[in-house]
Amino acid sequence: MSRKLKFKPGKAIRTINEFDKWTDNGGWIYWFGRPKHPSILANQQHNALRNFIKCGYLKKAVLND
């Protein structure tokens, strides 16, 4: 029997402002196929975060019903 995951990947994050808005409201982030607490990515250097967004590595983590 497989375990039901709490989060599933949502829409891709396209801008730094979208990232800030999502994480400021408590949203989690999918990064390389795994949900991550927003503080992990918020503590990254700005240039690294920009590159993750540009390459499409970040997605919104939405609750799985």
N, C-alpha and C. Protein backbone atom coordinates (compact mmCIF):
# COMPACT_ATOMS: atom_id res chain seq x y z
N MET A 1 0.85 -1.17 0.00
CA MET A 1 0.00 0.00 0.00
C MET A 1 0.89 1.24 0.00
N SER A 2 0.67 2.11 -0.94
CA SER A 2 1.52 3.30 -1.04
C SER A 2 1.04 4.40 -0.08
N ARG A 3 1.98 5.18 0.33
CA ARG A 3 1.72 6.28 1.26
C ARG A 3 1.23 7.50 0.49
N LYS A 4 0.21 8.16 0.99
CA LYS A 4 -0.31 9.37 0.36
C LYS A 4 0.57 10.55 0.76
N LEU A 5 1.06 11.26 -0.23
CA LEU A 5 1.92 12.41 0.02
C LEU A 5 1.10 13.62 0.45
N LYS A 6 1.68 14.43 1.33
CA LYS A 6 0.98 15.61 1.82
C LYS A 6 0.89 16.69 0.76
N PHE A 7 1.95 16.85 -0.05
CA PHE A 7 2.00 17.89 -1.07
C PHE A 7 2.13 17.28 -2.45
N LYS A 8 1.69 18.03 -3.44
CA LYS A 8 1.92 17.69 -4.83
C LYS A 8 2.41 18.95 -5.54
N PRO A 9 3.14 18.81 -6.64
CA PRO A 9 3.63 20.00 -7.35
C PRO A 9 2.50 20.79 -7.99
N GLY A 10 2.60 22.10 -7.87
CA GLY A 10 1.63 22.99 -8.49
C GLY A 10 2.25 23.74 -9.65
N LYS A 11 1.81 24.96 -9.85
CA LYS A 11 2.32 25.79 -10.94
C LYS A 11 3.77 26.19 -10.69
N ALA A 12 4.50 26.38 -11.77
CA ALA A 12 5.89 26.82 -11.68
C ALA A 12 5.95 28.27 -11.20
N ILE A 13 6.98 28.58 -10.45
CA ILE A 13 7.22 29.95 -9.99
C ILE A 13 8.07 30.63 -11.05
N ARG A 14 7.61 31.77 -11.52
CA ARG A 14 8.25 32.45 -12.66
C ARG A 14 9.07 33.69 -12.28
N THR A 15 8.80 34.28 -11.10
CA THR A 15 9.51 35.51 -10.71
C THR A 15 9.87 35.47 -9.23
N ILE A 16 10.82 36.33 -8.87
CA ILE A 16 11.21 36.47 -7.46
C ILE A 16 10.02 37.00 -6.66
N ASN A 17 9.27 37.93 -7.22
CA ASN A 17 8.10 38.47 -6.52
C ASN A 17 7.06 37.39 -6.25
N GLU A 18 6.85 36.51 -7.19
CA GLU A 18 5.90 35.42 -7.01
C GLU A 18 6.41 34.47 -5.90
N PHE A 19 7.72 34.20 -5.89
CA PHE A 19 8.32 33.39 -4.84
C PHE A 19 8.11 34.03 -3.47
N ASP A 20 8.41 35.33 -3.37
CA ASP A 20 8.25 36.05 -2.11
C ASP A 20 6.80 36.03 -1.62
N LYS A 21 5.88 36.28 -2.52
CA LYS A 21 4.47 36.31 -2.14
C LYS A 21 4.00 34.94 -1.65
N TRP A 22 4.41 33.87 -2.34
CA TRP A 22 4.01 32.52 -1.97
C TRP A 22 4.61 32.12 -0.61
N THR A 23 5.90 32.38 -0.42
CA THR A 23 6.55 31.95 0.82
C THR A 23 6.18 32.85 2.00
N ASP A 24 5.92 34.11 1.77
CA ASP A 24 5.50 35.01 2.86
C ASP A 24 4.15 34.58 3.43
N ASN A 25 3.34 33.91 2.64
CA ASN A 25 2.04 33.43 3.09
C ASN A 25 2.09 31.98 3.57
N GLY A 26 3.30 31.46 3.81
CA GLY A 26 3.46 30.13 4.37
C GLY A 26 3.48 28.99 3.37
N GLY A 27 3.56 29.31 2.09
CA GLY A 27 3.58 28.26 1.07
C GLY A 27 4.90 27.53 1.01
N TRP A 28 4.84 26.23 0.80
CA TRP A 28 6.03 25.41 0.62
C TRP A 28 6.39 25.38 -0.86
N ILE A 29 7.62 24.94 -1.15
CA ILE A 29 8.15 24.96 -2.51
C ILE A 29 8.59 23.56 -2.91
N TYR A 30 8.29 23.15 -4.15
CA TYR A 30 8.86 21.94 -4.72
C TYR A 30 10.18 22.33 -5.38
N TRP A 31 11.25 21.67 -4.97
CA TRP A 31 12.58 21.95 -5.49
C TRP A 31 13.22 20.62 -5.85
N PHE A 32 13.52 20.41 -7.11
CA PHE A 32 14.06 19.16 -7.62
C PHE A 32 13.18 17.97 -7.23
N GLY A 33 11.86 18.15 -7.35
CA GLY A 33 10.92 17.06 -7.15
C GLY A 33 10.57 16.72 -5.72
N ARG A 34 10.98 17.56 -4.76
CA ARG A 34 10.66 17.31 -3.36
C ARG A 34 10.16 18.58 -2.69
N PRO A 35 9.16 18.46 -1.81
CA PRO A 35 8.69 19.66 -1.11
C PRO A 35 9.71 20.12 -0.08
N LYS A 36 9.94 21.43 -0.02
CA LYS A 36 10.90 22.01 0.91
C LYS A 36 10.26 23.16 1.66
N HIS A 37 10.67 23.31 2.91
CA HIS A 37 10.22 24.45 3.71
C HIS A 37 10.79 25.72 3.06
N PRO A 38 10.02 26.80 3.01
CA PRO A 38 10.48 28.01 2.31
C PRO A 38 11.76 28.62 2.87
N SER A 39 12.06 28.40 4.15
CA SER A 39 13.27 29.00 4.72
C SER A 39 14.54 28.43 4.08
N ILE A 40 14.49 27.20 3.59
CA ILE A 40 15.67 26.60 2.95
C ILE A 40 16.04 27.40 1.71
N LEU A 41 15.06 27.76 0.91
CA LEU A 41 15.35 28.50 -0.31
C LEU A 41 15.49 30.00 -0.07
N ALA A 42 14.80 30.52 0.94
CA ALA A 42 14.90 31.95 1.24
C ALA A 42 16.30 32.31 1.70
N ASN A 43 17.05 31.35 2.24
CA ASN A 43 18.41 31.61 2.70
C ASN A 43 19.46 31.40 1.62
N GLN A 44 19.04 31.07 0.42
CA GLN A 44 19.96 30.94 -0.71
C GLN A 44 20.40 32.33 -1.18
N GLN A 45 21.53 32.39 -1.83
CA GLN A 45 21.96 33.65 -2.41
C GLN A 45 20.98 34.05 -3.50
N HIS A 46 20.81 35.35 -3.67
CA HIS A 46 19.85 35.89 -4.63
C HIS A 46 20.11 35.35 -6.04
N ASN A 47 21.34 35.31 -6.44
CA ASN A 47 21.68 34.86 -7.79
C ASN A 47 21.31 33.38 -7.98
N ALA A 48 21.55 32.56 -6.98
CA ALA A 48 21.19 31.14 -7.07
C ALA A 48 19.68 30.98 -7.17
N LEU A 49 18.94 31.73 -6.37
CA LEU A 49 17.48 31.66 -6.40
C LEU A 49 16.95 32.10 -7.77
N ARG A 50 17.52 33.15 -8.32
CA ARG A 50 17.12 33.61 -9.66
C ARG A 50 17.34 32.52 -10.71
N ASN A 51 18.49 31.83 -10.62
CA ASN A 51 18.79 30.77 -11.58
C ASN A 51 17.85 29.58 -11.43
N PHE A 52 17.48 29.23 -10.20
CA PHE A 52 16.52 28.15 -9.98
C PHE A 52 15.19 28.48 -10.65
N ILE A 53 14.75 29.73 -10.49
CA ILE A 53 13.49 30.17 -11.09
C ILE A 53 13.59 30.17 -12.61
N LYS A 54 14.69 30.71 -13.12
CA LYS A 54 14.90 30.80 -14.56
C LYS A 54 14.92 29.42 -15.23
N CYS A 55 15.49 28.44 -14.56
CA CYS A 55 15.57 27.08 -15.11
C CYS A 55 14.31 26.26 -14.88
N GLY A 56 13.36 26.81 -14.12
CA GLY A 56 12.09 26.12 -13.89
C GLY A 56 12.16 25.04 -12.82
N TYR A 57 13.13 25.14 -11.90
CA TYR A 57 13.29 24.14 -10.85
C TYR A 57 12.30 24.31 -9.70
N LEU A 58 11.70 25.48 -9.55
CA LEU A 58 10.83 25.74 -8.41
C LEU A 58 9.36 25.72 -8.82
N LYS A 59 8.57 25.00 -8.03
CA LYS A 59 7.12 24.96 -8.22
C LYS A 59 6.45 25.15 -6.87
N LYS A 60 5.23 25.62 -6.90
CA LYS A 60 4.47 25.76 -5.68
C LYS A 60 4.06 24.36 -5.20
N ALA A 61 4.19 24.13 -3.90
CA ALA A 61 3.74 22.86 -3.30
C ALA A 61 2.33 23.08 -2.78
N VAL A 62 1.38 22.37 -3.33
CA VAL A 62 -0.02 22.51 -2.92
C VAL A 62 -0.44 21.26 -2.16
N LEU A 63 -1.37 21.42 -1.25
CA LEU A 63 -1.84 20.28 -0.45
C LEU A 63 -2.55 19.26 -1.34
N ASN A 64 -2.25 18.01 -1.09
CA ASN A 64 -2.84 16.91 -1.83
C ASN A 64 -4.11 16.47 -1.10
N ASP A 65 -5.25 16.56 -1.77
CA ASP A 65 -6.52 16.19 -1.14
C ASP A 65 -6.70 14.71 -0.99
